[in-house]
């Protein structure tokens, strides 16, 4: 939350919300912000996958089967806080 509150990047991410086209006239670089958020998300997913495989010391094709439900719970409960 510190990044979102005290940096320009974080304020622009909040400003985009679900409709970035209405923030374009305000000077927010909508396409660049969307790209940076997607890149950060992909980077975090890649790091978590590497840590998951490193923790198990092997990779199998059904490794992340039970983690989807846990991720859905985080999204639902995180939105309510």
PDB file of N, CA and C in Angstrom:
ATOM      1  N   UNK A   1       0.809  -1.198   0.000  1.00  0.00           N
ATOM      2  CA  UNK A   1       0.000   0.000   0.000  1.00  0.00           C
ATOM      3  C   UNK A   1       0.854   1.265   0.000  1.00  0.00           C
ATOM      4  N   UNK A   2       2.073   1.170   0.484  1.00  0.00           N
ATOM      5  CA  UNK A   2       2.946   2.341   0.506  1.00  0.00           C
ATOM      6  C   UNK A   2       3.235   2.798  -0.913  1.00  0.00           C
ATOM      7  N   UNK A   3       3.468   1.845  -1.808  1.00  0.00           N
ATOM      8  CA  UNK A   3       3.764   2.195  -3.200  1.00  0.00           C
ATOM      9  C   UNK A   3       2.565   2.894  -3.834  1.00  0.00           C
ATOM     10  N   UNK A   4       1.373   2.415  -3.547  1.00  0.00           N
ATOM     11  CA  UNK A   4       0.181   3.008  -4.149  1.00  0.00           C
ATOM     12  C   UNK A   4      -0.132   4.382  -3.570  1.00  0.00           C
ATOM     13  N   UNK A   5       0.227   4.618  -2.347  1.00  0.00           N
ATOM     14  CA  UNK A   5      -0.125   5.883  -1.716  1.00  0.00           C
ATOM     15  C   UNK A   5       0.896   6.988  -1.969  1.00  0.00           C
ATOM     16  N   UNK A   6       2.181   6.634  -2.007  1.00  0.00           N
ATOM     17  CA  UNK A   6       3.218   7.663  -2.012  1.00  0.00           C
ATOM     18  C   UNK A   6       3.991   7.812  -3.315  1.00  0.00           C
ATOM     19  N   UNK A   7       3.619   7.082  -4.352  1.00  0.00           N
ATOM     20  CA  UNK A   7       4.311   7.240  -5.625  1.00  0.00           C
ATOM     21  C   UNK A   7       3.325   7.670  -6.709  1.00  0.00           C
ATOM     22  N   UNK A   8       3.855   8.319  -7.716  1.00  0.00           N
ATOM     23  CA  UNK A   8       3.024   8.730  -8.841  1.00  0.00           C
ATOM     24  C   UNK A   8       2.472   7.520  -9.570  1.00  0.00           C
ATOM     25  N   UNK A   9       3.298   6.492  -9.726  1.00  0.00           N
ATOM     26  CA  UNK A   9       2.844   5.267 -10.397  1.00  0.00           C
ATOM     27  C   UNK A   9       1.641   4.675  -9.678  1.00  0.00           C
ATOM     28  N   UNK A  10       1.698   4.591  -8.374  1.00  0.00           N
ATOM     29  CA  UNK A  10       0.596   4.032  -7.610  1.00  0.00           C
ATOM     30  C   UNK A  10      -0.673   4.848  -7.722  1.00  0.00           C
ATOM     31  N   UNK A  11      -0.547   6.154  -7.692  1.00  0.00           N
ATOM     32  CA  UNK A  11      -1.737   7.009  -7.837  1.00  0.00           C
ATOM     33  C   UNK A  11      -2.342   6.880  -9.220  1.00  0.00           C
ATOM     34  N   UNK A  12      -1.496   6.723 -10.229  1.00  0.00           N
ATOM     35  CA  UNK A  12      -2.016   6.545 -11.587  1.00  0.00           C
ATOM     36  C   UNK A  12      -2.708   5.202 -11.740  1.00  0.00           C
ATOM     37  N   UNK A  13      -2.176   4.156 -11.075  1.00  0.00           N
ATOM     38  CA  UNK A  13      -2.837   2.849 -11.138  1.00  0.00           C
ATOM     39  C   UNK A  13      -4.224   2.934 -10.511  1.00  0.00           C
ATOM     40  N   UNK A  14      -4.324   3.584  -9.365  1.00  0.00           N
ATOM     41  CA  UNK A  14      -5.636   3.770  -8.747  1.00  0.00           C
ATOM     42  C   UNK A  14      -6.541   4.627  -9.617  1.00  0.00           C
ATOM     43  N   UNK A  15      -5.983   5.629 -10.270  1.00  0.00           N
ATOM     44  CA  UNK A  15      -6.782   6.522 -11.108  1.00  0.00           C
ATOM     45  C   UNK A  15      -7.352   5.789 -12.313  1.00  0.00           C
ATOM     46  N   UNK A  16      -6.615   4.818 -12.840  1.00  0.00           N
ATOM     47  CA  UNK A  16      -7.124   4.062 -13.985  1.00  0.00           C
ATOM     48  C   UNK A  16      -8.367   3.278 -13.613  1.00  0.00           C
ATOM     49  N   UNK A  17      -8.321   2.594 -12.501  1.00  0.00           N
ATOM     50  CA  UNK A  17      -9.474   1.812 -12.063  1.00  0.00           C
ATOM     51  C   UNK A  17      -9.952   0.871 -13.143  1.00  0.00           C
ATOM     52  N   UNK A  18     -11.238   0.838 -13.399  1.00  0.00           N
ATOM     53  CA  UNK A  18     -11.780  -0.029 -14.429  1.00  0.00           C
ATOM     54  C   UNK A  18     -11.960   0.665 -15.765  1.00  0.00           C
ATOM     55  N   UNK A  19     -11.831   1.992 -15.795  1.00  0.00           N
ATOM     56  CA  UNK A  19     -12.062   2.743 -17.023  1.00  0.00           C
ATOM     57  C   UNK A  19     -10.932   3.749 -17.214  1.00  0.00           C
ATOM     58  N   UNK A  20      -9.911   3.332 -17.935  1.00  0.00           N
ATOM     59  CA  UNK A  20      -8.761   4.197 -18.128  1.00  0.00           C
ATOM     60  C   UNK A  20      -8.963   5.294 -19.139  1.00  0.00           C
ATOM     61  N   UNK A  21      -9.942   5.151 -20.012  1.00  0.00           N
ATOM     62  CA  UNK A  21     -10.126   6.158 -21.061  1.00  0.00           C
ATOM     63  C   UNK A  21     -10.581   7.497 -20.501  1.00  0.00           C
ATOM     64  N   UNK A  22     -11.226   7.498 -19.363  1.00  0.00           N
ATOM     65  CA  UNK A  22     -11.657   8.779 -18.812  1.00  0.00           C
ATOM     66  C   UNK A  22     -10.507   9.505 -18.113  1.00  0.00           C
ATOM     67  N   UNK A  23      -9.388   8.822 -17.860  1.00  0.00           N
ATOM     68  CA  UNK A  23      -8.230   9.464 -17.246  1.00  0.00           C
ATOM     69  C   UNK A  23      -7.210   9.950 -18.264  1.00  0.00           C
ATOM     70  N   UNK A  24      -7.361   9.601 -19.509  1.00  0.00           N
ATOM     71  CA  UNK A  24      -6.420  10.040 -20.538  1.00  0.00           C
ATOM     72  C   UNK A  24      -6.370  11.561 -20.667  1.00  0.00           C
ATOM     73  N   UNK A  25      -7.497  12.273 -20.624  1.00  0.00           N
ATOM     74  CA  UNK A  25      -7.413  13.737 -20.697  1.00  0.00           C
ATOM     75  C   UNK A  25      -6.720  14.373 -19.496  1.00  0.00           C
ATOM     76  N   UNK A  26      -6.618  13.658 -18.379  1.00  0.00           N
ATOM     77  CA  UNK A  26      -5.958  14.197 -17.195  1.00  0.00           C
ATOM     78  C   UNK A  26      -4.449  14.080 -17.252  1.00  0.00           C
ATOM     79  N   UNK A  27      -3.926  13.451 -18.300  1.00  0.00           N
ATOM     80  CA  UNK A  27      -2.487  13.329 -18.446  1.00  0.00           C
ATOM     81  C   UNK A  27      -1.919  12.000 -17.988  1.00  0.00           C
ATOM     82  N   UNK A  28      -2.775  11.049 -17.650  1.00  0.00           N
ATOM     83  CA  UNK A  28      -2.302   9.734 -17.236  1.00  0.00           C
ATOM     84  C   UNK A  28      -1.989   8.923 -18.489  1.00  0.00           C
ATOM     85  N   UNK A  29      -0.765   8.412 -18.624  1.00  0.00           N
ATOM     86  CA  UNK A  29      -0.427   7.592 -19.798  1.00  0.00           C
ATOM     87  C   UNK A  29      -1.065   6.203 -19.670  1.00  0.00           C
ATOM     88  N   UNK A  30      -2.261   6.069 -20.182  1.00  0.00           N
ATOM     89  CA  UNK A  30      -3.089   4.881 -19.953  1.00  0.00           C
ATOM     90  C   UNK A  30      -2.414   3.617 -20.489  1.00  0.00           C
ATOM     91  N   UNK A  31      -1.978   3.634 -21.735  1.00  0.00           N
ATOM     92  CA  UNK A  31      -1.386   2.428 -22.321  1.00  0.00           C
ATOM     93  C   UNK A  31      -0.104   2.021 -21.603  1.00  0.00           C
ATOM     94  N   UNK A  32       0.717   2.992 -21.256  1.00  0.00           N
ATOM     95  CA  UNK A  32       1.953   2.684 -20.556  1.00  0.00           C
ATOM     96  C   UNK A  32       1.678   2.132 -19.154  1.00  0.00           C
ATOM     97  N   UNK A  33       0.658   2.658 -18.481  1.00  0.00           N
ATOM     98  CA  UNK A  33       0.321   2.172 -17.153  1.00  0.00           C
ATOM     99  C   UNK A  33      -0.239   0.751 -17.210  1.00  0.00           C
ATOM    100  N   UNK A  34      -1.098   0.483 -18.175  1.00  0.00           N
ATOM    101  CA  UNK A  34      -1.638  -0.871 -18.310  1.00  0.00           C
ATOM    102  C   UNK A  34      -0.522  -1.865 -18.588  1.00  0.00           C
ATOM    103  N   UNK A  35       0.393  -1.494 -19.458  1.00  0.00           N
ATOM    104  CA  UNK A  35       1.513  -2.371 -19.781  1.00  0.00           C
ATOM    105  C   UNK A  35       2.377  -2.627 -18.553  1.00  0.00           C
ATOM    106  N   UNK A  36       2.650  -1.603 -17.773  1.00  0.00           N
ATOM    107  CA  UNK A  36       3.494  -1.785 -16.593  1.00  0.00           C
ATOM    108  C   UNK A  36       2.808  -2.649 -15.541  1.00  0.00           C
ATOM    109  N   UNK A  37       1.501  -2.511 -15.384  1.00  0.00           N
ATOM    110  CA  UNK A  37       0.775  -3.342 -14.411  1.00  0.00           C
ATOM    111  C   UNK A  37       0.768  -4.800 -14.859  1.00  0.00           C
ATOM    112  N   UNK A  38       0.540  -5.035 -16.157  1.00  0.00           N
ATOM    113  CA  UNK A  38       0.574  -6.409 -16.661  1.00  0.00           C
ATOM    114  C   UNK A  38       1.967  -7.008 -16.544  1.00  0.00           C
ATOM    115  N   UNK A  39       2.997  -6.219 -16.806  1.00  0.00           N
ATOM    116  CA  UNK A  39       4.361  -6.718 -16.695  1.00  0.00           C
ATOM    117  C   UNK A  39       4.707  -7.051 -15.244  1.00  0.00           C
ATOM    118  N   UNK A  40       4.287  -6.211 -14.312  1.00  0.00           N
ATOM    119  CA  UNK A  40       4.540  -6.477 -12.903  1.00  0.00           C
ATOM    120  C   UNK A  40       3.804  -7.741 -12.449  1.00  0.00           C
ATOM    121  N   UNK A  41       2.590  -7.914 -12.918  1.00  0.00           N
ATOM    122  CA  UNK A  41       1.824  -9.111 -12.576  1.00  0.00           C
ATOM    123  C   UNK A  41       2.485 -10.368 -13.125  1.00  0.00           C
ATOM    124  N   UNK A  42       2.953 -10.309 -14.360  1.00  0.00           N
ATOM    125  CA  UNK A  42       3.634 -11.464 -14.954  1.00  0.00           C
ATOM    126  C   UNK A  42       4.938 -11.764 -14.233  1.00  0.00           C
ATOM    127  N   UNK A  43       5.663 -10.741 -13.844  1.00  0.00           N
ATOM    128  CA  UNK A  43       6.912 -10.933 -13.107  1.00  0.00           C
ATOM    129  C   UNK A  43       6.651 -11.610 -11.769  1.00  0.00           C
ATOM    130  N   UNK A  44       5.632 -11.144 -11.061  1.00  0.00           N
ATOM    131  CA  UNK A  44       5.306 -11.749  -9.765  1.00  0.00           C
ATOM    132  C   UNK A  44       4.825 -13.184  -9.923  1.00  0.00           C
ATOM    133  N   UNK A  45       4.063 -13.473 -10.974  1.00  0.00           N
ATOM    134  CA  UNK A  45       3.625 -14.849 -11.215  1.00  0.00           C
ATOM    135  C   UNK A  45       4.806 -15.748 -11.536  1.00  0.00           C
ATOM    136  N   UNK A  46       5.752 -15.255 -12.311  1.00  0.00           N
ATOM    137  CA  UNK A  46       6.942 -16.032 -12.635  1.00  0.00           C
ATOM    138  C   UNK A  46       7.803 -16.306 -11.414  1.00  0.00           C
ATOM    139  N   UNK A  47       7.980 -15.303 -10.576  1.00  0.00           N
ATOM    140  CA  UNK A  47       8.763 -15.491  -9.357  1.00  0.00           C
ATOM    141  C   UNK A  47       8.091 -16.497  -8.436  1.00  0.00           C
ATOM    142  N   UNK A  48       6.778 -16.404  -8.298  1.00  0.00           N
ATOM    143  CA  UNK A  48       6.083 -17.353  -7.426  1.00  0.00           C
ATOM    144  C   UNK A  48       6.146 -18.770  -7.987  1.00  0.00           C
ATOM    145  N   UNK A  49       6.115 -18.918  -9.301  1.00  0.00           N
ATOM    146  CA  UNK A  49       6.243 -20.253  -9.895  1.00  0.00           C
ATOM    147  C   UNK A  49       7.625 -20.833  -9.644  1.00  0.00           C
ATOM    148  N   UNK A  50       8.652 -20.019  -9.770  1.00  0.00           N
ATOM    149  CA  UNK A  50      10.011 -20.488  -9.506  1.00  0.00           C
ATOM    150  C   UNK A  50      10.152 -20.892  -8.042  1.00  0.00           C
ATOM    151  N   UNK A  51       9.602 -20.091  -7.130  1.00  0.00           N
ATOM    152  CA  UNK A  51       9.683 -20.428  -5.710  1.00  0.00           C
ATOM    153  C   UNK A  51       8.887 -21.689  -5.390  1.00  0.00           C
ATOM    154  N   UNK A  52       7.759 -21.883  -6.043  1.00  0.00           N
ATOM    155  CA  UNK A  52       6.959 -23.083  -5.821  1.00  0.00           C
ATOM    156  C   UNK A  52       7.715 -24.332  -6.264  1.00  0.00           C
ATOM    157  N   UNK A  53       8.316 -24.270  -7.433  1.00  0.00           N
ATOM    158  CA  UNK A  53       9.074 -25.415  -7.937  1.00  0.00           C
ATOM    159  C   UNK A  53      10.324 -25.638  -7.089  1.00  0.00           C
ATOM    160  N   UNK A  54      10.974 -24.566  -6.668  1.00  0.00           N
ATOM    161  CA  UNK A  54      12.180 -24.714  -5.849  1.00  0.00           C
ATOM    162  C   UNK A  54      11.845 -25.299  -4.483  1.00  0.00           C
ATOM    163  N   UNK A  55      10.686 -24.976  -3.949  1.00  0.00           N
ATOM    164  CA  UNK A  55      10.303 -25.514  -2.654  1.00  0.00           C
ATOM    165  C   UNK A  55       9.992 -26.995  -2.699  1.00  0.00           C
ATOM    166  N   UNK A  56       9.518 -27.467  -3.818  1.00  0.00           N
ATOM    167  CA  UNK A  56       9.192 -28.881  -3.956  1.00  0.00           C
ATOM    168  C   UNK A  56      10.354 -29.686  -4.535  1.00  0.00           C
ATOM    169  N   UNK A  57      11.351 -29.023  -5.045  1.00  0.00           N
ATOM    170  CA  UNK A  57      12.544 -29.625  -5.634  1.00  0.00           C
ATOM    171  C   UNK A  57      12.230 -30.477  -6.859  1.00  0.00           C
ATOM    172  N   UNK A  58      11.070 -30.328  -7.434  1.00  0.00           N
ATOM    173  CA  UNK A  58      10.711 -31.017  -8.681  1.00  0.00           C
ATOM    174  C   UNK A  58       9.476 -30.343  -9.248  1.00  0.00           C
ATOM    175  N   UNK A  59       9.253 -30.529 -10.515  1.00  0.00           N
ATOM    176  CA  UNK A  59       8.086 -29.941 -11.173  1.00  0.00           C
ATOM    177  C   UNK A  59       7.250 -31.055 -11.780  1.00  0.00           C
ATOM    178  N   UNK A  60       5.959 -31.033 -11.504  1.00  0.00           N
ATOM    179  CA  UNK A  60       5.029 -31.964 -12.131  1.00  0.00           C
ATOM    180  C   UNK A  60       3.900 -31.163 -12.758  1.00  0.00           C
ATOM    181  N   UNK A  61       3.161 -31.766 -13.642  1.00  0.00           N
ATOM    182  CA  UNK A  61       2.186 -30.998 -14.411  1.00  0.00           C
ATOM    183  C   UNK A  61       0.966 -30.572 -13.599  1.00  0.00           C
ATOM    184  N   UNK A  62       0.690 -31.161 -12.467  1.00  0.00           N
ATOM    185  CA  UNK A  62      -0.493 -30.798 -11.671  1.00  0.00           C
ATOM    186  C   UNK A  62      -0.103 -30.075 -10.387  1.00  0.00           C
ATOM    187  N   UNK A  63       0.983 -29.321 -10.422  1.00  0.00           N
ATOM    188  CA  UNK A  63       1.475 -28.688  -9.198  1.00  0.00           C
ATOM    189  C   UNK A  63       0.552 -27.620  -8.634  1.00  0.00           C
ATOM    190  N   UNK A  64      -0.016 -26.797  -9.467  1.00  0.00           N
ATOM    191  CA  UNK A  64      -0.808 -25.678  -8.974  1.00  0.00           C
ATOM    192  C   UNK A  64      -2.287 -25.952  -8.887  1.00  0.00           C
ATOM    193  N   UNK A  65      -2.695 -27.204  -8.840  1.00  0.00           N
ATOM    194  CA  UNK A  65      -4.113 -27.548  -8.881  1.00  0.00           C
ATOM    195  C   UNK A  65      -4.874 -26.992  -7.679  1.00  0.00           C
ATOM    196  N   UNK A  66      -4.371 -27.139  -6.494  1.00  0.00           N
ATOM    197  CA  UNK A  66      -5.089 -26.689  -5.306  1.00  0.00           C
ATOM    198  C   UNK A  66      -4.933 -25.219  -4.991  1.00  0.00           C
ATOM    199  N   UNK A  67      -4.071 -24.523  -5.694  1.00  0.00           N
ATOM    200  CA  UNK A  67      -3.798 -23.129  -5.361  1.00  0.00           C
ATOM    201  C   UNK A  67      -4.796 -22.156  -5.969  1.00  0.00           C
ATOM    202  N   UNK A  68      -5.567 -22.576  -6.935  1.00  0.00           N
ATOM    203  CA  UNK A  68      -6.528 -21.672  -7.561  1.00  0.00           C
ATOM    204  C   UNK A  68      -7.622 -21.281  -6.589  1.00  0.00           C
ATOM    205  N   UNK A  69      -8.111 -22.217  -5.818  1.00  0.00           N
ATOM    206  CA  UNK A  69      -9.161 -21.915  -4.844  1.00  0.00           C
ATOM    207  C   UNK A  69      -8.639 -20.960  -3.784  1.00  0.00           C
ATOM    208  N   UNK A  70      -7.414 -21.168  -3.339  1.00  0.00           N
ATOM    209  CA  UNK A  70      -6.824 -20.270  -2.352  1.00  0.00           C
ATOM    210  C   UNK A  70      -6.666 -18.865  -2.934  1.00  0.00           C
ATOM    211  N   UNK A  71      -6.279 -18.774  -4.193  1.00  0.00           N
ATOM    212  CA  UNK A  71      -6.153 -17.464  -4.840  1.00  0.00           C
ATOM    213  C   UNK A  71      -7.492 -16.773  -4.988  1.00  0.00           C
ATOM    214  N   UNK A  72      -8.536 -17.537  -5.290  1.00  0.00           N
ATOM    215  CA  UNK A  72      -9.875 -16.951  -5.387  1.00  0.00           C
ATOM    216  C   UNK A  72     -10.329 -16.422  -4.041  1.00  0.00           C
ATOM    217  N   UNK A  73     -10.023 -17.136  -2.978  1.00  0.00           N
ATOM    218  CA  UNK A  73     -10.395 -16.669  -1.640  1.00  0.00           C
ATOM    219  C   UNK A  73      -9.686 -15.368  -1.295  1.00  0.00           C
ATOM    220  N   UNK A  74      -8.422 -15.269  -1.655  1.00  0.00           N
ATOM    221  CA  UNK A  74      -7.682 -14.041  -1.382  1.00  0.00           C
ATOM    222  C   UNK A  74      -8.296 -12.862  -2.093  1.00  0.00           C
ATOM    223  N   UNK A  75      -8.702 -13.075  -3.346  1.00  0.00           N
ATOM    224  CA  UNK A  75      -9.318 -11.985  -4.109  1.00  0.00           C
ATOM    225  C   UNK A  75     -10.640 -11.568  -3.487  1.00  0.00           C
ATOM    226  N   UNK A  76     -11.465 -12.533  -3.135  1.00  0.00           N
ATOM    227  CA  UNK A  76     -12.784 -12.214  -2.566  1.00  0.00           C
ATOM    228  C   UNK A  76     -12.653 -11.537  -1.213  1.00  0.00           C
ATOM    229  N   UNK A  77     -11.855 -12.104  -0.322  1.00  0.00           N
ATOM    230  CA  UNK A  77     -11.744 -11.530   1.010  1.00  0.00           C
ATOM    231  C   UNK A  77     -10.940 -10.243   0.997  1.00  0.00           C
ATOM    232  N   UNK A  78      -9.986 -10.122   0.094  1.00  0.00           N
ATOM    233  CA  UNK A  78      -9.217  -8.893  -0.001  1.00  0.00           C
ATOM    234  C   UNK A  78     -10.054  -7.722  -0.476  1.00  0.00           C
ATOM    235  N   UNK A  79     -11.055  -8.006  -1.294  1.00  0.00           N
ATOM    236  CA  UNK A  79     -11.930  -6.937  -1.780  1.00  0.00           C
ATOM    237  C   UNK A  79     -12.866  -6.443  -0.690  1.00  0.00           C
ATOM    238  N   UNK A  80     -13.116  -7.264   0.301  1.00  0.00           N
ATOM    239  CA  UNK A  80     -14.049  -6.891   1.352  1.00  0.00           C
ATOM    240  C   UNK A  80     -13.376  -6.166   2.504  1.00  0.00           C
ATOM    241  N   UNK A  81     -12.051  -6.160   2.548  1.00  0.00           N
ATOM    242  CA  UNK A  81     -11.364  -5.510   3.680  1.00  0.00           C
ATOM    243  C   UNK A  81     -11.299  -4.025   3.491  1.00  0.00           C
TER     244      UNK A  81
END
